[in-house]
């Protein structure tokens, strides 16, 4: 009998029942007051007179009218660059040991401060996720199984007296002691810098572990699972890890990967979505009857929401200073918002770059709908990643096609604007029918796109390529593993790199 697991499950059930928070709106007001109180003596707090904001009868309104909206570049240029020189008490009390290197889909690198308070916040968020497992009807022995955490390397690089790495690597390097007995692949393998080396070592050692749950970005998790299956010459991952029940995803929308993932499993899986960004752990799925995530409203992050409409955005894809900004009390379900956060790492009214939609305002539940800079609007098409994902799902279902990666760019061909798509799929189809369906679905879902197709967007082109072409592009121009993601909308430079690589790889295949 799983005695330890039974005890852990009972503890989770009891804590889950008693760990009731205030309403999300009330919790957020408390968080903002705490942030302001703790940072009032920093250089940032003194400049914007946090004492006066705290004394105001309506501190949220005073905060919004006093503190400007920042993106990474403006916050770094004005404030965070002092941190790299060793200054403290700039935007948060004290200093920090770590910087999180952003490895998202933009080309510009970012080094985001990670304070001890932020590490505590991330650990608390992990505990909240564990407590929420009581809602997923898992057996007691699940809580004795190992947890595979596929992130970036835990071997952090030292620079100017600080340790730098991706947030998943920093978090894994600072796991609480009680959790380390469950953590796989373990510190030694996780510290390997080279992605392929990590995958090879995990595959080699896979049979030694009894994995019950796995977490990681879908694209790299799928590569790992396929390599384990290939290495051991088995049919599914459950031949190696028979007790694997839960996959925690994050970083990108999971739905485009679901069809491909399910071919790797022998039995149904529980999928749990999470939202761990370089700037903090922001949300996690807490119940099984939804694919939405609950904002962690009582965990050192204050959230604001800017309606994602042209009037609120400038030509660079950042929020205007005079934009309409809402709090959790004022949002509407089904509307798209640009997310702003203020955190215990000293980010203030910071545009993280993601757009979200509320599915349940009372529970504070959201889905990530896209990125502000992955919004395709060159000739008025106004396509969001959320709409692209939905159209791709329709293509997958109609043609029984597993599309693991895709990207699109607006290009000029023969003097006319077109949208060029690359779909990374498990088989090659004649693209005409796929193109027609994709175009029709986008027109049905988005009236602005439909108008653009009649007036300014001449046509769309779709090319179906092996998904490995995308990963070879990542190897060549980005990097493999960790939090690196293939952008759903590419800029001109990246798209040209991909096109050149596709032609090169196709030529190599034809010569074989």
Protein backbone atom coordinates (compact mmCIF):
# COMPACT_ATOMS: atom_id res chain seq x y z
CA UNK A 1 0.00 0.00 0.00
CA UNK A 2 1.21 3.52 -0.82
CA UNK A 3 1.32 4.67 2.80
CA UNK A 4 3.44 7.77 2.20
CA UNK A 5 1.35 8.68 -0.83
CA UNK A 6 -1.85 8.29 1.18
CA UNK A 7 -0.50 10.64 3.85
CA UNK A 8 0.61 13.21 1.25
CA UNK A 9 -2.78 13.00 -0.50
CA UNK A 10 -4.62 13.55 2.79
CA UNK A 11 -2.40 16.52 3.62
CA UNK A 12 -3.11 18.01 0.17
CA UNK A 13 -6.84 17.42 0.58
CA UNK A 14 -6.89 19.08 4.02
CA UNK A 15 -4.73 22.03 2.97
CA UNK A 16 -6.74 22.44 -0.21
CA UNK A 17 -9.90 22.78 1.84
CA UNK A 18 -8.51 25.26 4.37
CA UNK A 19 -6.29 27.28 2.01
CA UNK A 20 -9.12 29.53 0.90
CA UNK A 21 -8.02 33.00 -0.13
CA UNK A 22 -9.93 36.23 -0.26
CA UNK A 23 -11.75 37.02 -3.48
CA UNK A 24 -9.31 37.60 -6.36
CA UNK A 25 -10.15 41.31 -6.39
CA UNK A 26 -9.53 41.72 -2.64
CA UNK A 27 -6.36 39.63 -2.83
CA UNK A 28 -5.00 41.88 -5.57
CA UNK A 29 -5.61 45.02 -3.53
CA UNK A 30 -3.66 43.47 -0.65
CA UNK A 31 -0.81 42.48 -2.98
CA UNK A 32 -0.46 46.00 -4.38
CA UNK A 33 -0.36 47.54 -0.92
CA UNK A 34 2.30 45.06 0.14
CA UNK A 35 4.41 45.75 -2.96
CA UNK A 36 4.21 49.51 -2.42
CA UNK A 37 4.96 49.24 1.30
CA UNK A 38 8.02 47.05 0.79
CA UNK A 39 9.43 49.14 -2.08
CA UNK A 40 8.66 52.63 -0.80
CA UNK A 41 12.27 53.29 0.26
CA UNK A 42 13.82 52.14 -3.04
CA UNK A 43 14.98 54.67 -5.61
CA UNK A 44 11.90 53.84 -7.67
CA UNK A 45 9.56 54.13 -4.68
CA UNK A 46 10.98 57.49 -3.69
CA UNK A 47 10.75 58.90 -7.23
CA UNK A 48 7.10 57.96 -7.56
CA UNK A 49 6.28 58.73 -3.92
CA UNK A 50 4.88 55.36 -2.87
CA UNK A 51 4.19 56.83 0.58
CA UNK A 52 1.66 59.22 -0.96
CA UNK A 53 0.08 56.45 -3.05
CA UNK A 54 -0.33 54.31 0.09
CA UNK A 55 -1.97 57.23 1.91
CA UNK A 56 -4.43 57.86 -0.93
CA UNK A 57 -8.04 56.79 -0.41
CA UNK A 58 -7.87 54.96 -3.76
CA UNK A 59 -4.32 53.60 -3.99
CA UNK A 60 -4.89 51.65 -7.22
CA UNK A 61 -6.02 54.76 -9.09
CA UNK A 62 -3.19 56.78 -7.54
CA UNK A 63 -0.69 54.08 -8.57
CA UNK A 64 -1.96 54.04 -12.15
CA UNK A 65 -1.96 57.81 -12.50
CA UNK A 66 1.54 58.20 -10.99
CA UNK A 67 3.67 55.29 -12.26
CA UNK A 68 4.24 55.05 -16.04
CA UNK A 69 3.83 51.87 -18.09
CA UNK A 70 7.12 50.12 -18.87
CA UNK A 71 8.37 47.48 -21.25
CA UNK A 72 11.70 45.70 -20.78
CA UNK A 73 13.74 48.22 -22.75
CA UNK A 74 12.41 51.29 -20.95
CA UNK A 75 12.64 49.71 -17.48
CA UNK A 76 16.16 48.46 -18.18
CA UNK A 77 17.40 51.73 -19.68
CA UNK A 78 15.98 53.83 -16.86
CA UNK A 79 16.42 51.54 -13.84
CA UNK A 80 17.60 47.94 -14.19
CA UNK A 81 20.95 48.75 -15.81
CA UNK A 82 22.08 49.96 -12.37
CA UNK A 83 21.60 46.41 -11.03
CA UNK A 84 24.17 45.03 -13.46
CA UNK A 85 26.70 47.47 -12.01
CA UNK A 86 26.05 46.12 -8.50
CA UNK A 87 23.72 48.84 -7.18
CA UNK A 88 20.96 47.81 -4.77
CA UNK A 89 17.60 49.20 -3.67
CA UNK A 90 16.79 50.34 -7.20
CA UNK A 91 13.30 48.99 -7.94
CA UNK A 92 13.15 46.41 -5.11
CA UNK A 93 14.77 46.33 -1.64
CA UNK A 94 18.29 44.91 -1.62
CA UNK A 95 19.79 43.25 -4.65
CA UNK A 96 19.66 39.84 -6.25
CA UNK A 97 21.93 36.93 -7.11
CA UNK A 98 20.25 35.91 -10.36
CA UNK A 99 19.20 37.28 -13.72
CA UNK A 100 16.77 35.33 -15.90
CA UNK A 101 17.79 35.34 -19.53
CA UNK A 102 14.71 35.50 -21.66
CA UNK A 103 14.74 33.00 -24.51
CA UNK A 104 11.32 33.65 -25.94
CA UNK A 105 10.52 34.33 -29.54
CA UNK A 106 11.93 37.81 -29.95
CA UNK A 107 15.46 38.30 -31.16
CA UNK A 108 16.57 40.73 -28.46
CA UNK A 109 18.00 39.10 -25.33
CA UNK A 110 16.78 40.22 -21.92
CA UNK A 111 18.27 39.85 -18.46
CA UNK A 112 15.49 40.10 -15.87
CA UNK A 113 16.29 40.37 -12.15
CA UNK A 114 15.25 37.41 -10.01
CA UNK A 115 15.17 38.33 -6.33
CA UNK A 116 15.00 35.97 -3.37
CA UNK A 117 11.42 37.16 -2.90
CA UNK A 118 10.63 36.08 -6.47
CA UNK A 119 12.18 32.66 -5.87
CA UNK A 120 9.98 32.34 -2.76
CA UNK A 121 6.99 33.36 -4.88
CA UNK A 122 7.80 30.69 -7.48
CA UNK A 123 8.13 28.04 -4.75
CA UNK A 124 4.79 29.12 -3.26
CA UNK A 125 3.20 28.89 -6.70
CA UNK A 126 4.53 25.34 -7.05
CA UNK A 127 2.93 24.45 -3.73
CA UNK A 128 -0.37 25.94 -4.93
CA UNK A 129 -0.16 23.75 -8.03
CA UNK A 130 0.49 20.66 -5.88
CA UNK A 131 -2.43 21.53 -3.59
CA UNK A 132 -4.72 21.87 -6.62
CA UNK A 133 -3.99 18.23 -7.56
CA UNK A 134 -6.69 17.25 -5.07
CA UNK A 135 -9.15 18.28 -7.79
CA UNK A 136 -7.81 15.76 -10.34
CA UNK A 137 -8.78 12.50 -8.58
CA UNK A 138 -5.30 11.01 -8.54
CA UNK A 139 -4.52 7.80 -6.60
CA UNK A 140 -2.35 7.95 -3.47
CA UNK A 141 0.62 6.21 -5.11
CA UNK A 142 0.89 9.07 -7.65
CA UNK A 143 2.30 11.28 -4.88
CA UNK A 144 5.27 8.93 -4.40
CA UNK A 145 6.34 9.01 -8.05
CA UNK A 146 9.22 10.95 -9.61
CA UNK A 147 8.69 14.22 -11.45
CA UNK A 148 10.49 14.83 -14.76
CA UNK A 149 11.21 18.57 -15.12
CA UNK A 150 12.49 19.30 -18.60
CA UNK A 151 13.88 22.82 -18.46
CA UNK A 152 17.03 24.68 -19.35
CA UNK A 153 20.42 23.87 -17.86
CA UNK A 154 20.83 24.33 -14.10
CA UNK A 155 24.50 25.14 -14.69
CA UNK A 156 24.16 28.90 -14.53
CA UNK A 157 26.75 31.20 -16.06
CA UNK A 158 28.55 33.74 -13.90
CA UNK A 159 28.85 37.30 -15.15
CA UNK A 160 29.84 40.40 -13.19
CA UNK A 161 29.23 38.60 -9.91
CA UNK A 162 25.73 37.38 -10.85
CA UNK A 163 24.40 33.99 -11.95
CA UNK A 164 22.47 33.96 -15.20
CA UNK A 165 20.28 31.40 -16.92
CA UNK A 166 16.73 30.74 -18.02
CA UNK A 167 14.06 30.90 -15.32
CA UNK A 168 13.41 27.13 -15.50
CA UNK A 169 17.11 26.48 -14.84
CA UNK A 170 17.24 29.01 -12.00
CA UNK A 171 14.11 27.52 -10.43
CA UNK A 172 15.41 23.95 -10.71
CA UNK A 173 18.74 25.00 -9.18
CA UNK A 174 16.83 26.39 -6.17
CA UNK A 175 14.36 23.59 -5.49
CA UNK A 176 13.36 23.15 -1.84
CA UNK A 177 15.13 20.25 -0.11
CA UNK A 178 11.96 18.22 0.41
CA UNK A 179 11.25 18.25 -3.34
CA UNK A 180 14.65 17.07 -4.52
CA UNK A 181 13.97 13.39 -3.85
CA UNK A 182 11.22 13.51 -6.50
CA UNK A 183 13.08 15.66 -9.03
CA UNK A 184 14.36 14.06 -12.22
CA UNK A 185 16.61 13.99 -14.21
CA UNK A 186 18.59 15.10 -11.16
CA UNK A 187 21.16 17.84 -10.79
CA UNK A 188 24.02 16.17 -12.64
CA UNK A 189 22.12 15.58 -15.89
CA UNK A 190 20.15 18.83 -15.63
CA UNK A 191 23.42 20.77 -15.41
CA UNK A 192 24.53 19.64 -18.88
CA UNK A 193 24.77 22.69 -21.10
CA UNK A 194 24.15 20.91 -24.38
CA UNK A 195 20.50 20.09 -25.10
CA UNK A 196 21.25 16.95 -27.11
CA UNK A 197 23.52 15.68 -24.34
CA UNK A 198 20.75 16.16 -21.77
CA UNK A 199 18.22 14.33 -23.95
CA UNK A 200 20.66 11.47 -24.59
CA UNK A 201 21.40 11.02 -20.89
CA UNK A 202 17.74 11.17 -19.92
CA UNK A 203 16.87 8.54 -22.54
CA UNK A 204 19.70 6.28 -21.36
CA UNK A 205 18.61 6.51 -17.71
CA UNK A 206 14.83 6.57 -18.27
CA UNK A 207 14.17 3.01 -17.07
CA UNK A 208 15.75 3.79 -13.68
CA UNK A 209 12.99 6.25 -12.79
CA UNK A 210 9.33 5.82 -11.93
CA UNK A 211 7.96 9.00 -13.46
CA UNK A 212 4.42 10.00 -12.46
CA UNK A 213 4.36 13.49 -13.94
CA UNK A 214 6.32 15.53 -16.43
CA UNK A 215 6.65 19.24 -17.08
CA UNK A 216 8.14 21.20 -19.96
CA UNK A 217 7.48 23.16 -23.15
CA UNK A 218 5.54 20.89 -25.55
CA UNK A 219 7.91 20.94 -28.52
CA UNK A 220 10.96 19.90 -26.51
CA UNK A 221 8.99 17.48 -24.33
CA UNK A 222 7.77 15.72 -27.45
CA UNK A 223 11.32 15.41 -28.78
CA UNK A 224 12.42 13.89 -25.47
CA UNK A 225 9.56 11.38 -25.35
CA UNK A 226 10.21 10.30 -28.93
CA UNK A 227 13.91 9.82 -28.20
CA UNK A 228 13.19 7.69 -25.12
CA UNK A 229 10.79 5.53 -27.16
CA UNK A 230 13.34 5.20 -29.98
CA UNK A 231 16.28 4.46 -27.67
CA UNK A 232 14.44 1.65 -25.88
CA UNK A 233 12.68 0.39 -29.00
CA UNK A 234 9.19 0.46 -27.46
CA UNK A 235 5.78 1.55 -28.71
CA UNK A 236 4.86 4.29 -26.21
CA UNK A 237 6.33 6.11 -23.25
CA UNK A 238 4.09 4.06 -20.94
CA UNK A 239 6.23 1.03 -21.79
CA UNK A 240 9.02 2.86 -19.92
CA UNK A 241 7.05 4.93 -17.41
CA UNK A 242 3.84 2.95 -16.77
CA UNK A 243 2.75 5.30 -13.96
CA UNK A 244 3.00 8.53 -15.98
CA UNK A 245 -0.36 10.25 -15.48
CA UNK A 246 0.17 14.02 -15.64
CA UNK A 247 1.84 16.32 -18.16
CA UNK A 248 2.19 19.97 -17.12
CA UNK A 249 2.64 22.18 -20.13
CA UNK A 250 3.52 25.83 -20.49
CA UNK A 251 5.11 28.48 -22.66
CA UNK A 252 2.77 28.07 -25.64
CA UNK A 253 -0.77 26.89 -26.33
CA UNK A 254 -0.86 23.11 -26.00
CA UNK A 255 -3.75 22.32 -28.37
CA UNK A 256 -1.68 22.30 -31.59
CA UNK A 257 0.50 19.60 -29.99
CA UNK A 258 -2.23 17.42 -28.46
CA UNK A 259 -2.82 15.19 -31.47
CA UNK A 260 0.88 14.43 -31.87
CA UNK A 261 1.39 13.91 -28.12
CA UNK A 262 -1.39 11.38 -27.82
CA UNK A 263 0.35 9.02 -30.23
CA UNK A 264 3.15 8.72 -27.66
CA UNK A 265 0.88 7.51 -24.82
CA UNK A 266 -0.84 4.19 -24.23
CA UNK A 267 -3.48 5.58 -21.90
CA UNK A 268 -5.29 8.88 -21.26
CA UNK A 269 -3.26 11.63 -19.65
CA UNK A 270 -4.15 14.58 -17.45
CA UNK A 271 -2.90 17.81 -19.00
CA UNK A 272 -2.30 20.77 -16.68
CA UNK A 273 -1.40 24.17 -18.10
CA UNK A 274 0.98 26.52 -16.28
CA UNK A 275 2.25 30.06 -16.84
CA UNK A 276 5.86 30.41 -15.68
CA UNK A 277 7.45 33.42 -17.37
CA UNK A 278 10.93 34.85 -16.91
CA UNK A 279 9.27 37.52 -14.78
CA UNK A 280 7.50 35.11 -12.42
CA UNK A 281 5.02 32.27 -11.97
CA UNK A 282 1.75 33.93 -12.95
CA UNK A 283 -0.99 31.30 -13.25
CA UNK A 284 -1.74 27.59 -13.07
CA UNK A 285 -4.65 25.33 -13.98
CA UNK A 286 -6.41 24.32 -10.77
CA UNK A 287 -9.30 22.14 -11.93
CA UNK A 288 -9.85 19.44 -14.56
CA UNK A 289 -13.01 20.69 -16.29
CA UNK A 290 -11.29 23.61 -18.04
CA UNK A 291 -8.15 24.39 -20.02
CA UNK A 292 -7.90 27.81 -18.37
CA UNK A 293 -5.42 28.84 -15.68
CA UNK A 294 -6.18 30.67 -12.46
CA UNK A 295 -4.11 33.82 -11.94
CA UNK A 296 -2.05 33.54 -8.76
CA UNK A 297 -3.59 36.64 -7.27
CA UNK A 298 -2.07 36.39 -3.79
CA UNK A 299 1.53 35.62 -4.66
CA UNK A 300 3.56 38.81 -5.04
CA UNK A 301 2.26 39.87 -8.47
CA UNK A 302 -0.22 42.68 -9.17
CA UNK A 303 -2.00 42.35 -12.53
CA UNK A 304 -3.35 45.04 -14.85
CA UNK A 305 -5.07 44.60 -18.20
CA UNK A 306 -5.03 46.80 -21.31
CA UNK A 307 -7.71 46.10 -23.95
CA UNK A 308 -5.81 44.81 -26.98
CA UNK A 309 -7.12 47.30 -29.53
CA UNK A 310 -5.30 49.57 -31.95
CA UNK A 311 -6.13 52.71 -29.93
CA UNK A 312 -4.08 51.42 -26.98
CA UNK A 313 -0.99 50.31 -28.93
CA UNK A 314 1.75 52.24 -30.69
CA UNK A 315 3.51 51.34 -33.93
CA UNK A 316 6.19 49.36 -32.04
CA UNK A 317 3.67 47.00 -30.47
CA UNK A 318 3.92 48.50 -26.98
CA UNK A 319 1.20 50.01 -24.82
CA UNK A 320 0.62 53.75 -25.07
CA UNK A 321 0.99 55.74 -21.86
CA UNK A 322 -2.57 57.07 -22.19
CA UNK A 323 -4.06 53.61 -22.85
CA UNK A 324 -7.13 52.40 -21.02
CA UNK A 325 -5.91 50.17 -18.16
CA UNK A 326 -8.20 47.93 -16.09
CA UNK A 327 -7.81 45.89 -12.93
CA UNK A 328 -9.26 42.48 -12.23
CA UNK A 329 -12.46 44.09 -10.98
CA UNK A 330 -13.24 45.62 -14.38
CA UNK A 331 -12.27 43.01 -16.98
CA UNK A 332 -14.77 41.21 -19.20
CA UNK A 333 -14.82 37.57 -20.18
CA UNK A 334 -13.96 36.80 -23.80
CA UNK A 335 -12.09 40.06 -24.45
CA UNK A 336 -8.39 40.15 -25.27
CA UNK A 337 -6.03 42.09 -22.97
CA UNK A 338 -2.35 42.99 -22.89
CA UNK A 339 -0.98 41.93 -19.51
CA UNK A 340 0.89 44.33 -17.20
CA UNK A 341 2.53 43.10 -13.99
CA UNK A 342 4.15 44.60 -10.89
CA UNK A 343 6.21 42.10 -8.92
CA UNK A 344 8.44 41.26 -5.97
CA UNK A 345 11.37 41.36 -8.38
CA UNK A 346 10.93 45.09 -8.96
CA UNK A 347 8.99 45.09 -12.22
CA UNK A 348 6.47 47.93 -12.21
CA UNK A 349 3.51 48.20 -14.60
CA UNK A 350 5.60 46.01 -16.86
CA UNK A 351 4.31 44.87 -20.26
CA UNK A 352 5.27 41.23 -20.29
CA UNK A 353 4.37 40.87 -23.98
CA UNK A 354 1.54 38.33 -23.63
CA UNK A 355 -2.13 38.78 -24.36
CA UNK A 356 -4.76 36.96 -22.30
CA UNK A 357 -8.49 36.32 -22.32
CA UNK A 358 -10.68 35.69 -19.28
CA UNK A 359 -12.81 32.58 -19.35
CA UNK A 360 -14.11 32.93 -15.78
CA UNK A 361 -13.75 36.33 -14.13
CA UNK A 362 -15.01 35.18 -10.72
CA UNK A 363 -12.29 32.55 -10.51
CA UNK A 364 -9.71 34.79 -12.17
CA UNK A 365 -9.15 32.20 -14.90
CA UNK A 366 -7.42 33.05 -18.18
CA UNK A 367 -6.03 31.56 -21.34
CA UNK A 368 -2.98 33.00 -23.08
CA UNK A 369 -4.20 34.20 -26.46
CA UNK A 370 -0.89 35.29 -27.98
CA UNK A 371 1.93 37.79 -27.96
CA UNK A 372 1.65 41.50 -28.67
CA UNK A 373 4.45 41.23 -31.24
CA UNK A 374 2.98 38.07 -32.75
CA UNK A 375 -0.11 39.94 -33.83
CA UNK A 376 -0.22 39.95 -37.62
CA UNK A 377 -1.52 43.30 -38.82
CA UNK A 378 0.55 44.47 -41.77
CA UNK A 379 -2.34 45.19 -44.16
CA UNK A 380 -5.23 45.27 -41.70
CA UNK A 381 -5.66 41.51 -41.21
CA UNK A 382 -5.48 41.86 -37.38
CA UNK A 383 -4.85 38.16 -36.72
CA UNK A 384 -4.10 37.02 -33.18
CA UNK A 385 -2.28 33.81 -32.29
CA UNK A 386 -5.47 32.63 -30.58
CA UNK A 387 -7.31 32.79 -33.93
CA UNK A 388 -4.41 31.12 -35.73
CA UNK A 389 -4.37 28.24 -33.24
CA UNK A 390 -8.10 27.69 -33.70
CA UNK A 391 -7.77 27.62 -37.49
CA UNK A 392 -4.83 25.20 -37.30
CA UNK A 393 -6.89 22.87 -35.08
CA UNK A 394 -9.61 22.85 -37.76
CA UNK A 395 -7.03 21.93 -40.41
CA UNK A 396 -5.67 19.13 -38.21
CA UNK A 397 -9.11 17.65 -37.59
CA UNK A 398 -10.26 17.93 -41.22
CA UNK A 399 -7.19 16.35 -42.80
CA UNK A 400 -6.12 14.06 -39.93
CA UNK A 401 -2.88 15.99 -39.87
CA UNK A 402 -0.61 16.45 -36.86
CA UNK A 403 0.74 20.01 -37.09
CA UNK A 404 3.32 20.36 -34.34
CA UNK A 405 4.76 23.75 -35.32
CA UNK A 406 3.70 26.56 -37.61
CA UNK A 407 4.63 30.13 -38.43
CA UNK A 408 3.41 32.89 -40.71
CA UNK A 409 4.84 36.12 -42.09
CA UNK A 410 3.55 38.95 -44.24
CA UNK A 411 5.68 39.24 -47.37
CA UNK A 412 5.51 41.02 -50.71
CA UNK A 413 5.38 38.77 -53.77
CA UNK A 414 5.13 40.15 -57.31
CA UNK A 415 4.43 43.55 -55.81
CA UNK A 416 1.48 42.33 -53.71
CA UNK A 417 1.07 41.56 -50.01
CA UNK A 418 0.54 37.92 -49.12
CA UNK A 419 0.65 35.82 -45.96
CA UNK A 420 3.08 32.91 -46.25
CA UNK A 421 2.59 29.97 -43.88
CA UNK A 422 4.89 27.08 -43.03
CA UNK A 423 3.21 24.13 -41.31
CA UNK A 424 5.40 21.50 -39.66
CA UNK A 425 3.43 18.26 -39.99
CA UNK A 426 3.77 14.49 -39.79
CA UNK A 427 3.01 13.95 -43.48
CA UNK A 428 3.13 15.91 -46.71
CA UNK A 429 -0.17 16.81 -48.39
CA UNK A 430 -0.96 18.71 -51.56
CA UNK A 431 -1.40 22.16 -50.02
CA UNK A 432 -4.29 23.54 -52.10
CA UNK A 433 -7.12 22.14 -49.97
CA UNK A 434 -5.26 23.01 -46.75
CA UNK A 435 -4.74 26.57 -47.98
CA UNK A 436 -8.42 27.00 -48.88
CA UNK A 437 -9.64 25.69 -45.51
CA UNK A 438 -7.15 27.75 -43.49
CA UNK A 439 -8.08 30.90 -45.39
CA UNK A 440 -11.81 30.23 -44.99
CA UNK A 441 -11.49 29.56 -41.24
CA UNK A 442 -9.57 32.77 -40.66
CA UNK A 443 -12.13 34.78 -42.65
CA UNK A 444 -14.95 33.19 -40.68
CA UNK A 445 -13.32 33.97 -37.33
CA UNK A 446 -12.06 37.49 -38.08
CA UNK A 447 -14.01 40.06 -40.05
CA UNK A 448 -10.96 42.34 -40.37
CA UNK A 449 -9.05 39.51 -42.02
CA UNK A 450 -11.98 38.89 -44.35
CA UNK A 451 -12.00 42.56 -45.39
CA UNK A 452 -8.23 42.52 -45.89
CA UNK A 453 -8.52 39.44 -48.13
CA UNK A 454 -10.91 41.34 -50.38
CA UNK A 455 -8.94 44.56 -50.48
CA UNK A 456 -5.27 44.53 -49.39
CA UNK A 457 -4.15 40.92 -48.88
CA UNK A 458 -3.83 39.32 -52.30
CA UNK A 459 -3.71 35.68 -51.21
CA UNK A 460 -2.10 33.27 -48.80
CA UNK A 461 0.40 30.50 -49.45
CA UNK A 462 0.85 27.38 -47.37
CA UNK A 463 3.83 25.06 -47.48
CA UNK A 464 3.83 21.84 -45.47
CA UNK A 465 7.29 20.81 -44.28
CA UNK A 466 8.72 18.19 -41.91
CA UNK A 467 8.56 19.52 -38.37
CA UNK A 468 12.27 18.79 -37.96
CA UNK A 469 12.95 21.72 -40.34
CA UNK A 470 11.72 24.04 -37.58
CA UNK A 471 13.98 22.39 -35.02
CA UNK A 472 16.96 22.64 -37.35
CA UNK A 473 16.16 26.35 -37.69
CA UNK A 474 16.19 26.56 -33.87
CA UNK A 475 19.55 24.77 -33.73
CA UNK A 476 21.00 27.13 -36.30
CA UNK A 477 19.56 30.49 -35.29
CA UNK A 478 18.20 30.13 -31.74
CA UNK A 479 18.93 27.13 -29.54
CA UNK A 480 17.36 23.85 -28.56
CA UNK A 481 15.46 23.07 -25.39
CA UNK A 482 14.69 25.11 -22.31
CA UNK A 483 12.11 27.80 -22.91
CA UNK A 484 12.97 28.47 -26.55
CA UNK A 485 9.86 28.61 -28.75
CA UNK A 486 9.21 28.80 -32.48
CA UNK A 487 7.47 32.16 -33.12
CA UNK A 488 3.98 31.92 -34.57
CA UNK A 489 4.55 35.20 -36.42
CA UNK A 490 8.05 35.82 -37.77
CA UNK A 491 9.72 39.07 -38.65
CA UNK A 492 11.26 39.50 -42.08
CA UNK A 493 14.79 38.49 -41.03
CA UNK A 494 13.76 35.30 -39.22
CA UNK A 495 11.36 34.27 -41.97
CA UNK A 496 14.04 34.68 -44.62
CA UNK A 497 16.37 32.53 -42.52
CA UNK A 498 13.69 29.85 -42.31
CA UNK A 499 12.93 30.00 -46.04
CA UNK A 500 16.60 29.71 -46.94
CA UNK A 501 17.01 26.74 -44.61
CA UNK A 502 13.89 25.02 -45.97
CA UNK A 503 15.19 25.35 -49.54
CA UNK A 504 18.58 24.03 -48.45
CA UNK A 505 17.11 21.01 -46.65
CA UNK A 506 14.67 20.24 -49.45
CA UNK A 507 17.55 20.36 -51.92
CA UNK A 508 19.56 17.97 -49.77
CA UNK A 509 16.62 15.54 -49.65
CA UNK A 510 16.20 15.63 -53.42
CA UNK A 511 19.88 14.84 -53.97
CA UNK A 512 19.72 11.77 -51.74
